[in-house]
Amino acid sequence: MAVSHETTASPTSESQTRLVLRRLFGKNAVILCAGFLIVSILCALAPGLIAPHDPYAQELMLRLKPPSFVQGGVDGFWLGTDHLGRDTLSRIVFGARITLLVSVLAVAVSLVAGVAAGLAAGFYGGRTDAVILRLIDMQLAFPVILLVIAVVAVVGPSLTNLIIIMGLSGWPRFARIVRGAVLSVRGLEYVEAARAIGAGQMRIMLHHILPNILSAIIVYASFELARMILLEATLSFLGLGVQPPTPTWGGMISDGKNYIAISWWVSLFPGLAIGAIILAFNILGDELRDALDPQLNHE
């Protein structure tokens, strides 16, 4: 008599990913935030298809017109116009490109530099760890915004300079997160087993340690994106970001600050866009951290 043996497959990375996604998108707040971020990304990728007007077109006869849903507004200009008669909604849509481009690339620079420094500090220890920690302490001793403003004022506010400077301002935070995670896993059995079979130090760091601390890096990157968006908006507001006439959310707030008493919409709507996207990234970061934590009781 033949006996059939039913085998049970061990959990794969694909099934774990599916589980994390089910935990993450099982909440209405996450779906709402993800939807808003998708719209923002579409605005950044194809603003010309979404914006109702040319964001650079000036019409002084339409300057400082209120939104179309307010008395005195002009049809077609849903969020009103600025002091040069440019459509506020179109400039917000085009401004998403600069905001997301600068922020994402700055986080990428921070992530690469910080992960490399954190891996080296946590894995090698000793003098390497001490030197990297002192560099981290030295940079964190200065207020980030003042440091970035000073450097941008010296080297100039070009797009490339802005990305590099903002990125290098954030590497210490990534380095501290990665160093702590490496210290918690470098003595575990799988790392010792890799050493025992003769794996090189670089292979151990990149193929055994780094994949096991990726969840912490991904979660922190989501929070860092929100911080970089706020930093870019601050620099643009101060005139040290991407220069006019290129629309940026911080620059739009700066343009409207002199008219806030009579034309509140010029600054309000780009400010709401900044607040909404920062809130979305922070909520997704919180939920992602919970979804990736196996110790939590997920109902």
C-alpha atoms as a PDB file:
ATOM      1  CA  MET A   1       0.000   0.000   0.000  1.00  0.00           C
ATOM      2  CA  ALA A   2       1.525   3.277  -1.074  1.00  0.00           C
ATOM      3  CA  VAL A   3       1.756   5.969   1.508  1.00  0.00           C
ATOM      4  CA  SER A   4       1.793   9.557   0.313  1.00  0.00           C
ATOM      5  CA  HIS A   5       3.897  11.979   2.304  1.00  0.00           C
ATOM      6  CA  GLU A   6       2.721  15.564   2.324  1.00  0.00           C
ATOM      7  CA  THR A   7       5.581  17.998   2.668  1.00  0.00           C
ATOM      8  CA  THR A   8       5.268  21.460   4.102  1.00  0.00           C
ATOM      9  CA  ALA A   9       7.345  24.119   2.436  1.00  0.00           C
ATOM     10  CA  SER A  10       9.303  26.430   4.683  1.00  0.00           C
ATOM     11  CA  PRO A  11       8.377  30.108   4.572  1.00  0.00           C
ATOM     12  CA  THR A  12      10.068  31.830   1.661  1.00  0.00           C
ATOM     13  CA  SER A  13      11.069  35.417   1.267  1.00  0.00           C
ATOM     14  CA  GLU A  14       8.180  35.810  -1.188  1.00  0.00           C
ATOM     15  CA  SER A  15       5.627  34.607   1.346  1.00  0.00           C
ATOM     16  CA  GLN A  16       7.135  36.856   4.016  1.00  0.00           C
ATOM     17  CA  THR A  17       6.914  39.811   1.670  1.00  0.00           C
ATOM     18  CA  ARG A  18       3.269  38.966   0.989  1.00  0.00           C
ATOM     19  CA  LEU A  19       2.617  38.793   4.731  1.00  0.00           C
ATOM     20  CA  VAL A  20       4.216  42.204   5.333  1.00  0.00           C
ATOM     21  CA  LEU A  21       2.188  43.753   2.511  1.00  0.00           C
ATOM     22  CA  ARG A  22      -1.032  42.252   3.903  1.00  0.00           C
ATOM     23  CA  ARG A  23      -0.266  43.675   7.338  1.00  0.00           C
ATOM     24  CA  LEU A  24       0.673  47.037   5.863  1.00  0.00           C
ATOM     25  CA  PHE A  25      -2.220  47.586   3.465  1.00  0.00           C
ATOM     26  CA  GLY A  26      -4.850  46.187   5.786  1.00  0.00           C
ATOM     27  CA  LYS A  27      -5.274  49.656   7.284  1.00  0.00           C
ATOM     28  CA  ASN A  28      -7.252  52.498   5.733  1.00  0.00           C
ATOM     29  CA  ALA A  29      -4.699  55.135   6.764  1.00  0.00           C
ATOM     30  CA  VAL A  30      -1.940  53.338   4.875  1.00  0.00           C
ATOM     31  CA  ILE A  31      -4.082  53.007   1.744  1.00  0.00           C
ATOM     32  CA  LEU A  32      -4.952  56.718   1.889  1.00  0.00           C
ATOM     33  CA  CYS A  33      -1.307  57.749   2.362  1.00  0.00           C
ATOM     34  CA  ALA A  34      -0.125  55.384  -0.375  1.00  0.00           C
ATOM     35  CA  GLY A  35      -2.751  56.805  -2.736  1.00  0.00           C
ATOM     36  CA  PHE A  36      -1.615  60.359  -2.045  1.00  0.00           C
ATOM     37  CA  LEU A  37       2.029  59.421  -2.618  1.00  0.00           C
ATOM     38  CA  ILE A  38       1.139  57.702  -5.897  1.00  0.00           C
ATOM     39  CA  VAL A  39      -0.615  60.889  -7.061  1.00  0.00           C
ATOM     40  CA  SER A  40       2.435  62.933  -6.015  1.00  0.00           C
ATOM     41  CA  ILE A  41       4.731  60.595  -7.942  1.00  0.00           C
ATOM     42  CA  LEU A  42       2.516  60.861 -11.028  1.00  0.00           C
ATOM     43  CA  CYS A  43       2.691  64.649 -10.723  1.00  0.00           C
ATOM     44  CA  ALA A  44       6.485  64.408 -10.595  1.00  0.00           C
ATOM     45  CA  LEU A  45       6.731  62.013 -13.543  1.00  0.00           C
ATOM     46  CA  ALA A  46       4.194  63.588 -15.880  1.00  0.00           C
ATOM     47  CA  PRO A  47       3.264  67.084 -14.653  1.00  0.00           C
ATOM     48  CA  GLY A  48       2.400  68.273 -18.140  1.00  0.00           C
ATOM     49  CA  LEU A  49      -0.438  65.759 -18.360  1.00  0.00           C
ATOM     50  CA  ILE A  50      -1.943  66.785 -15.007  1.00  0.00           C
ATOM     51  CA  ALA A  51      -1.408  70.541 -14.703  1.00  0.00           C
ATOM     52  CA  PRO A  52      -4.262  72.544 -16.246  1.00  0.00           C
ATOM     53  CA  HIS A  53      -2.038  75.494 -17.236  1.00  0.00           C
ATOM     54  CA  ASP A  54       1.539  76.394 -18.059  1.00  0.00           C
ATOM     55  CA  PRO A  55       3.200  77.002 -14.643  1.00  0.00           C
ATOM     56  CA  TYR A  56       5.483  79.649 -16.151  1.00  0.00           C
ATOM     57  CA  ALA A  57       2.813  81.615 -18.032  1.00  0.00           C
ATOM     58  CA  GLN A  58       2.309  85.086 -16.546  1.00  0.00           C
ATOM     59  CA  GLU A  59      -0.911  87.076 -16.851  1.00  0.00           C
ATOM     60  CA  LEU A  60      -0.780  90.262 -14.817  1.00  0.00           C
ATOM     61  CA  MET A  61      -4.475  90.910 -15.405  1.00  0.00           C
ATOM     62  CA  LEU A  62      -5.149  87.753 -13.357  1.00  0.00           C
ATOM     63  CA  ARG A  63      -2.655  88.378 -10.556  1.00  0.00           C
ATOM     64  CA  LEU A  64      -3.675  87.368  -7.020  1.00  0.00           C
ATOM     65  CA  LYS A  65      -7.039  85.976  -8.082  1.00  0.00           C
ATOM     66  CA  PRO A  66      -8.641  83.751  -5.414  1.00  0.00           C
ATOM     67  CA  PRO A  67      -9.518  80.085  -6.021  1.00  0.00           C
ATOM     68  CA  SER A  68     -12.419  79.443  -8.366  1.00  0.00           C
ATOM     69  CA  PHE A  69     -14.571  78.140  -5.496  1.00  0.00           C
ATOM     70  CA  VAL A  70     -14.257  81.501  -3.680  1.00  0.00           C
ATOM     71  CA  GLN A  71     -16.193  84.617  -4.612  1.00  0.00           C
ATOM     72  CA  GLY A  72     -14.154  86.613  -7.097  1.00  0.00           C
ATOM     73  CA  GLY A  73     -12.308  83.592  -8.427  1.00  0.00           C
ATOM     74  CA  VAL A  74     -11.731  82.863 -12.109  1.00  0.00           C
ATOM     75  CA  ASP A  75     -13.036  79.675 -13.711  1.00  0.00           C
ATOM     76  CA  GLY A  76     -10.243  77.241 -14.537  1.00  0.00           C
ATOM     77  CA  PHE A  77      -7.896  78.514 -11.824  1.00  0.00           C
ATOM     78  CA  TRP A  78      -9.018  76.121  -9.100  1.00  0.00           C
ATOM     79  CA  LEU A  79      -6.457  77.232  -6.482  1.00  0.00           C
ATOM     80  CA  GLY A  80      -6.101  80.837  -7.588  1.00  0.00           C
ATOM     81  CA  THR A  81      -3.096  82.696  -8.999  1.00  0.00           C
ATOM     82  CA  ASP A  82       0.064  84.212  -7.559  1.00  0.00           C
ATOM     83  CA  HIS A  83       1.469  87.750  -7.758  1.00  0.00           C
ATOM     84  CA  LEU A  84       2.465  87.235 -11.412  1.00  0.00           C
ATOM     85  CA  GLY A  85      -0.832  85.696 -12.482  1.00  0.00           C
ATOM     86  CA  ARG A  86       0.559  82.149 -12.631  1.00  0.00           C
ATOM     87  CA  ASP A  87      -1.748  79.234 -11.840  1.00  0.00           C
ATOM     88  CA  THR A  88      -1.142  77.983  -8.293  1.00  0.00           C
ATOM     89  CA  LEU A  89      -2.341  74.435  -8.931  1.00  0.00           C
ATOM     90  CA  SER A  90      -0.099  74.013 -11.974  1.00  0.00           C
ATOM     91  CA  ARG A  91       2.911  75.268 -10.038  1.00  0.00           C
ATOM     92  CA  ILE A  92       2.155  72.856  -7.185  1.00  0.00           C
ATOM     93  CA  VAL A  93       1.969  69.971  -9.670  1.00  0.00           C
ATOM     94  CA  PHE A  94       5.271  70.914 -11.319  1.00  0.00           C
ATOM     95  CA  GLY A  95       6.818  71.642  -7.918  1.00  0.00           C
ATOM     96  CA  ALA A  96       6.287  68.012  -6.910  1.00  0.00           C
ATOM     97  CA  ARG A  97       8.986  67.019  -9.414  1.00  0.00           C
ATOM     98  CA  ILE A  98      11.683  69.145  -7.776  1.00  0.00           C
ATOM     99  CA  THR A  99      10.609  68.267  -4.237  1.00  0.00           C
ATOM    100  CA  LEU A 100      10.599  64.500  -4.806  1.00  0.00           C
ATOM    101  CA  LEU A 101      13.670  64.471  -7.066  1.00  0.00           C
ATOM    102  CA  VAL A 102      15.838  66.397  -4.623  1.00  0.00           C
ATOM    103  CA  SER A 103      14.553  64.507  -1.583  1.00  0.00           C
ATOM    104  CA  VAL A 104      14.842  61.004  -3.039  1.00  0.00           C
ATOM    105  CA  LEU A 105      18.344  61.579  -4.436  1.00  0.00           C
ATOM    106  CA  ALA A 106      19.486  63.241  -1.207  1.00  0.00           C
ATOM    107  CA  VAL A 107      18.242  60.246   0.799  1.00  0.00           C
ATOM    108  CA  ALA A 108      20.048  57.945  -1.643  1.00  0.00           C
ATOM    109  CA  VAL A 109      23.313  59.821  -1.034  1.00  0.00           C
ATOM    110  CA  SER A 110      22.757  59.693   2.736  1.00  0.00           C
ATOM    111  CA  LEU A 111      21.878  56.003   2.597  1.00  0.00           C
ATOM    112  CA  VAL A 112      24.965  54.952   0.603  1.00  0.00           C
ATOM    113  CA  ALA A 113      27.391  56.971   2.714  1.00  0.00           C
ATOM    114  CA  GLY A 114      25.715  56.147   6.022  1.00  0.00           C
ATOM    115  CA  VAL A 115      25.329  52.407   5.369  1.00  0.00           C
ATOM    116  CA  ALA A 116      28.978  52.119   4.304  1.00  0.00           C
ATOM    117  CA  ALA A 117      30.185  53.980   7.406  1.00  0.00           C
ATOM    118  CA  GLY A 118      27.825  52.117   9.755  1.00  0.00           C
ATOM    119  CA  LEU A 119      28.825  48.705   8.390  1.00  0.00           C
ATOM    120  CA  ALA A 120      32.506  49.492   8.781  1.00  0.00           C
ATOM    121  CA  ALA A 121      32.081  50.904  12.298  1.00  0.00           C
ATOM    122  CA  GLY A 122      29.941  48.053  13.580  1.00  0.00           C
ATOM    123  CA  PHE A 123      31.827  45.205  11.908  1.00  0.00           C
ATOM    124  CA  TYR A 124      35.466  46.216  12.408  1.00  0.00           C
ATOM    125  CA  GLY A 125      35.107  48.015  15.749  1.00  0.00           C
ATOM    126  CA  GLY A 126      38.248  49.328  17.438  1.00  0.00           C
ATOM    127  CA  ARG A 127      39.878  52.389  15.898  1.00  0.00           C
ATOM    128  CA  THR A 128      37.615  52.308  12.850  1.00  0.00           C
ATOM    129  CA  ASP A 129      34.553  52.495  15.072  1.00  0.00           C
ATOM    130  CA  ALA A 130      36.079  55.250  17.218  1.00  0.00           C
ATOM    131  CA  VAL A 131      37.025  57.429  14.235  1.00  0.00           C
ATOM    132  CA  ILE A 132      33.615  57.092  12.556  1.00  0.00           C
ATOM    133  CA  LEU A 133      31.808  57.802  15.832  1.00  0.00           C
ATOM    134  CA  ARG A 134      33.856  60.970  16.340  1.00  0.00           C
ATOM    135  CA  LEU A 135      33.022  62.117  12.798  1.00  0.00           C
ATOM    136  CA  ILE A 136      29.342  61.461  13.483  1.00  0.00           C
ATOM    137  CA  ASP A 137      29.488  63.393  16.769  1.00  0.00           C
ATOM    138  CA  MET A 138      31.272  66.314  15.114  1.00  0.00           C
ATOM    139  CA  GLN A 139      28.642  66.679  12.389  1.00  0.00           C
ATOM    140  CA  LEU A 140      25.695  66.175  14.727  1.00  0.00           C
ATOM    141  CA  ALA A 141      27.109  68.879  17.013  1.00  0.00           C
ATOM    142  CA  PHE A 142      26.091  71.472  14.413  1.00  0.00           C
ATOM    143  CA  PRO A 143      22.417  72.207  13.728  1.00  0.00           C
ATOM    144  CA  VAL A 144      21.717  70.562  10.377  1.00  0.00           C
ATOM    145  CA  ILE A 145      19.770  73.452   8.879  1.00  0.00           C
ATOM    146  CA  LEU A 146      22.473  75.991   9.751  1.00  0.00           C
ATOM    147  CA  LEU A 147      25.196  73.716   8.397  1.00  0.00           C
ATOM    148  CA  VAL A 148      23.354  73.187   5.107  1.00  0.00           C
ATOM    149  CA  ILE A 149      22.524  76.882   4.751  1.00  0.00           C
ATOM    150  CA  ALA A 150      26.169  77.832   5.312  1.00  0.00           C
ATOM    151  CA  VAL A 151      27.487  75.329   2.768  1.00  0.00           C
ATOM    152  CA  VAL A 152      24.836  76.171   0.138  1.00  0.00           C
ATOM    153  CA  ALA A 153      25.570  79.882   0.560  1.00  0.00           C
ATOM    154  CA  VAL A 154      29.258  79.185  -0.148  1.00  0.00           C
ATOM    155  CA  VAL A 155      29.076  76.707  -3.052  1.00  0.00           C
ATOM    156  CA  GLY A 156      25.888  78.062  -4.651  1.00  0.00           C
ATOM    157  CA  PRO A 157      22.264  76.865  -4.843  1.00  0.00           C
ATOM    158  CA  SER A 158      22.374  74.632  -7.944  1.00  0.00           C
ATOM    159  CA  LEU A 159      20.316  71.434  -8.137  1.00  0.00           C
ATOM    160  CA  THR A 160      23.370  69.153  -8.003  1.00  0.00           C
ATOM    161  CA  ASN A 161      24.922  71.027  -5.095  1.00  0.00           C
ATOM    162  CA  LEU A 162      21.635  70.930  -3.222  1.00  0.00           C
ATOM    163  CA  ILE A 163      21.297  67.147  -3.584  1.00  0.00           C
ATOM    164  CA  ILE A 164      24.893  66.439  -2.522  1.00  0.00           C
ATOM    165  CA  ILE A 165      24.862  68.813   0.440  1.00  0.00           C
ATOM    166  CA  MET A 166      21.488  67.623   1.726  1.00  0.00           C
ATOM    167  CA  GLY A 167      22.583  64.022   1.252  1.00  0.00           C
ATOM    168  CA  LEU A 168      25.841  64.446   3.130  1.00  0.00           C
ATOM    169  CA  SER A 169      23.984  66.196   5.950  1.00  0.00           C
ATOM    170  CA  GLY A 170      22.019  63.014   6.686  1.00  0.00           C
ATOM    171  CA  TRP A 171      24.642  60.248   6.580  1.00  0.00           C
ATOM    172  CA  PRO A 172      25.394  60.293  10.361  1.00  0.00           C
ATOM    173  CA  ARG A 173      21.842  59.227  11.204  1.00  0.00           C
ATOM    174  CA  PHE A 174      21.971  56.298   8.808  1.00  0.00           C
ATOM    175  CA  ALA A 175      25.414  55.376  10.122  1.00  0.00           C
ATOM    176  CA  ARG A 176      24.198  55.256  13.730  1.00  0.00           C
ATOM    177  CA  ILE A 177      21.170  53.128  12.832  1.00  0.00           C
ATOM    178  CA  VAL A 178      23.273  50.686  10.783  1.00  0.00           C
ATOM    179  CA  ARG A 179      26.076  50.504  13.345  1.00  0.00           C
ATOM    180  CA  GLY A 180      23.633  49.578  16.100  1.00  0.00           C
ATOM    181  CA  ALA A 181      21.989  46.945  13.911  1.00  0.00           C
ATOM    182  CA  VAL A 182      25.369  45.444  12.933  1.00  0.00           C
ATOM    183  CA  LEU A 183      26.469  45.235  16.559  1.00  0.00           C
ATOM    184  CA  SER A 184      23.332  43.255  17.360  1.00  0.00           C
ATOM    185  CA  VAL A 185      23.889  40.622  14.642  1.00  0.00           C
ATOM    186  CA  ARG A 186      27.638  40.356  14.045  1.00  0.00           C
ATOM    187  CA  GLY A 187      28.054  37.777  16.818  1.00  0.00           C
ATOM    188  CA  LEU A 188      25.153  35.540  15.778  1.00  0.00           C
ATOM    189  CA  GLU A 189      25.603  31.945  14.634  1.00  0.00           C
ATOM    190  CA  TYR A 190      25.159  32.506  10.907  1.00  0.00           C
ATOM    191  CA  VAL A 191      27.928  35.139  10.897  1.00  0.00           C
ATOM    192  CA  GLU A 192      30.254  32.826  12.839  1.00  0.00           C
ATOM    193  CA  ALA A 193      29.398  30.015  10.427  1.00  0.00           C
ATOM    194  CA  ALA A 194      30.336  32.230   7.471  1.00  0.00           C
ATOM    195  CA  ARG A 195      33.672  32.989   9.123  1.00  0.00           C
ATOM    196  CA  ALA A 196      34.244  29.302   9.820  1.00  0.00           C
ATOM    197  CA  ILE A 197      33.912  28.342   6.155  1.00  0.00           C
ATOM    198  CA  GLY A 198      36.403  31.018   5.161  1.00  0.00           C
ATOM    199  CA  ALA A 199      34.135  33.792   3.844  1.00  0.00           C
ATOM    200  CA  GLY A 200      35.903  37.133   3.470  1.00  0.00           C
ATOM    201  CA  GLN A 201      35.017  40.153   5.557  1.00  0.00           C
ATOM    202  CA  MET A 202      33.446  42.026   2.647  1.00  0.00           C
ATOM    203  CA  ARG A 203      31.340  39.014   1.716  1.00  0.00           C
ATOM    204  CA  ILE A 204      30.168  38.604   5.314  1.00  0.00           C
ATOM    205  CA  MET A 205      29.152  42.272   5.505  1.00  0.00           C
ATOM    206  CA  LEU A 206      27.380  42.428   2.143  1.00  0.00           C
ATOM    207  CA  HIS A 207      25.882  38.936   1.864  1.00  0.00           C
ATOM    208  CA  HIS A 208      25.208  37.935   5.463  1.00  0.00           C
ATOM    209  CA  ILE A 209      24.869  41.043   7.644  1.00  0.00           C
ATOM    210  CA  LEU A 210      23.422  43.697   5.303  1.00  0.00           C
ATOM    211  CA  PRO A 211      20.395  41.642   4.114  1.00  0.00           C
ATOM    212  CA  ASN A 212      19.424  40.984   7.740  1.00  0.00           C
ATOM    213  CA  ILE A 213      19.377  44.672   8.708  1.00  0.00           C
ATOM    214  CA  LEU A 214      17.625  45.954   5.577  1.00  0.00           C
ATOM    215  CA  SER A 215      14.272  46.313   7.346  1.00  0.00           C
ATOM    216  CA  ALA A 216      15.714  48.877   9.774  1.00  0.00           C
ATOM    217  CA  ILE A 217      17.315  50.780   6.887  1.00  0.00           C
ATOM    218  CA  ILE A 218      14.106  50.834   4.817  1.00  0.00           C
ATOM    219  CA  VAL A 219      12.003  52.053   7.738  1.00  0.00           C
ATOM    220  CA  TYR A 220      14.437  54.827   8.616  1.00  0.00           C
ATOM    221  CA  ALA A 221      14.706  55.871   4.955  1.00  0.00           C
ATOM    222  CA  SER A 222      10.961  56.561   4.902  1.00  0.00           C
ATOM    223  CA  PHE A 223      11.317  58.947   7.856  1.00  0.00           C
ATOM    224  CA  GLU A 224      14.399  60.530   6.299  1.00  0.00           C
ATOM    225  CA  LEU A 225      12.451  61.243   3.106  1.00  0.00           C
ATOM    226  CA  ALA A 226       9.988  63.328   5.109  1.00  0.00           C
ATOM    227  CA  ARG A 227      12.857  65.218   6.750  1.00  0.00           C
ATOM    228  CA  MET A 228      14.545  65.906   3.419  1.00  0.00           C
ATOM    229  CA  ILE A 229      11.307  67.256   1.937  1.00  0.00           C
ATOM    230  CA  LEU A 230      11.017  69.697   4.830  1.00  0.00           C
ATOM    231  CA  LEU A 231      14.697  70.659   4.504  1.00  0.00           C
ATOM    232  CA  GLU A 232      14.363  71.288   0.761  1.00  0.00           C
ATOM    233  CA  ALA A 233      11.257  73.407   1.342  1.00  0.00           C
ATOM    234  CA  THR A 234      13.095  75.411   3.999  1.00  0.00           C
ATOM    235  CA  LEU A 235      16.049  76.099   1.708  1.00  0.00           C
ATOM    236  CA  SER A 236      13.736  77.079  -1.150  1.00  0.00           C
ATOM    237  CA  PHE A 237      11.805  79.391   1.169  1.00  0.00           C
ATOM    238  CA  LEU A 238      15.079  81.101   2.116  1.00  0.00           C
ATOM    239  CA  GLY A 239      16.133  81.436  -1.524  1.00  0.00           C
ATOM    240  CA  LEU A 240      18.909  78.841  -1.254  1.00  0.00           C
ATOM    241  CA  GLY A 241      17.144  76.020  -3.081  1.00  0.00           C
ATOM    242  CA  VAL A 242      16.371  75.621  -6.785  1.00  0.00           C
ATOM    243  CA  GLN A 243      16.186  79.110  -8.207  1.00  0.00           C
ATOM    244  CA  PRO A 244      13.171  80.825  -9.875  1.00  0.00           C
ATOM    245  CA  PRO A 245      11.342  80.572 -12.158  1.00  0.00           C
ATOM    246  CA  THR A 246      11.410  76.805 -11.507  1.00  0.00           C
ATOM    247  CA  PRO A 247       8.426  76.144  -9.204  1.00  0.00           C
ATOM    248  CA  THR A 248       9.158  74.654  -5.788  1.00  0.00           C
ATOM    249  CA  TRP A 249       6.771  74.335  -2.874  1.00  0.00           C
ATOM    250  CA  GLY A 250       9.026  76.235  -0.484  1.00  0.00           C
ATOM    251  CA  GLY A 251       9.616  78.951  -3.073  1.00  0.00           C
ATOM    252  CA  MET A 252       5.860  79.327  -3.601  1.00  0.00           C
ATOM    253  CA  ILE A 253       5.361  79.866   0.129  1.00  0.00           C
ATOM    254  CA  SER A 254       8.098  82.487   0.028  1.00  0.00           C
ATOM    255  CA  ASP A 255       6.451  84.203  -2.966  1.00  0.00           C
ATOM    256  CA  GLY A 256       3.169  84.484  -1.077  1.00  0.00           C
ATOM    257  CA  LYS A 257       4.485  85.614   2.303  1.00  0.00           C
ATOM    258  CA  ASN A 258       4.244  89.288   1.366  1.00  0.00           C
ATOM    259  CA  TYR A 259       0.609  88.879   0.321  1.00  0.00           C
ATOM    260  CA  ILE A 260      -0.578  86.554   3.092  1.00  0.00           C
ATOM    261  CA  ALA A 261      -3.047  89.113   4.499  1.00  0.00           C
ATOM    262  CA  ILE A 262      -4.876  89.642   1.201  1.00  0.00           C
ATOM    263  CA  SER A 263      -4.026  86.497  -0.828  1.00  0.00           C
ATOM    264  CA  TRP A 264      -3.762  83.619   1.647  1.00  0.00           C
ATOM    265  CA  TRP A 265      -4.070  80.937  -1.045  1.00  0.00           C
ATOM    266  CA  VAL A 266      -0.650  81.678  -2.574  1.00  0.00           C
ATOM    267  CA  SER A 267       1.145  80.262   0.466  1.00  0.00           C
ATOM    268  CA  LEU A 268      -1.556  78.048   1.979  1.00  0.00           C
ATOM    269  CA  PHE A 269      -1.917  75.405  -0.732  1.00  0.00           C
ATOM    270  CA  PRO A 270       1.803  74.643  -1.254  1.00  0.00           C
ATOM    271  CA  GLY A 271       2.106  74.551   2.542  1.00  0.00           C
ATOM    272  CA  LEU A 272      -0.697  72.007   2.698  1.00  0.00           C
ATOM    273  CA  ALA A 273       1.067  69.943   0.013  1.00  0.00           C
ATOM    274  CA  ILE A 274       4.274  69.887   2.075  1.00  0.00           C
ATOM    275  CA  GLY A 275       2.412  68.965   5.258  1.00  0.00           C
ATOM    276  CA  ALA A 276       0.411  66.240   3.545  1.00  0.00           C
ATOM    277  CA  ILE A 277       3.377  64.505   1.931  1.00  0.00           C
ATOM    278  CA  ILE A 278       5.429  64.640   5.142  1.00  0.00           C
ATOM    279  CA  LEU A 279       2.495  63.206   7.103  1.00  0.00           C
ATOM    280  CA  ALA A 280       2.061  60.457   4.501  1.00  0.00           C
ATOM    281  CA  PHE A 281       5.709  59.392   4.708  1.00  0.00           C
ATOM    282  CA  ASN A 282       5.674  59.451   8.514  1.00  0.00           C
ATOM    283  CA  ILE A 283       2.502  57.350   8.742  1.00  0.00           C
ATOM    284  CA  LEU A 284       3.854  54.850   6.210  1.00  0.00           C
ATOM    285  CA  GLY A 285       7.123  54.696   8.126  1.00  0.00           C
ATOM    286  CA  ASP A 286       5.320  53.965  11.405  1.00  0.00           C
ATOM    287  CA  GLU A 287       3.147  51.286   9.845  1.00  0.00           C
ATOM    288  CA  LEU A 288       6.046  49.751   7.944  1.00  0.00           C
ATOM    289  CA  ARG A 289       8.038  49.488  11.157  1.00  0.00           C
ATOM    290  CA  ASP A 290       5.132  47.691  12.840  1.00  0.00           C
ATOM    291  CA  ALA A 291       4.589  45.391   9.855  1.00  0.00           C
ATOM    292  CA  LEU A 292       8.247  44.346   9.756  1.00  0.00           C
ATOM    293  CA  ASP A 293       8.452  43.692  13.518  1.00  0.00           C
ATOM    294  CA  PRO A 294       7.880  39.958  14.112  1.00  0.00           C
ATOM    295  CA  GLN A 295       7.526  40.472  17.855  1.00  0.00           C
ATOM    296  CA  LEU A 296       4.301  42.437  17.534  1.00  0.00           C
ATOM    297  CA  ASN A 297       1.003  40.596  17.728  1.00  0.00           C
ATOM    298  CA  HIS A 298      -0.585  41.283  14.345  1.00  0.00           C
ATOM    299  CA  GLU A 299      -4.272  40.669  14.456  1.00  0.00           C
END
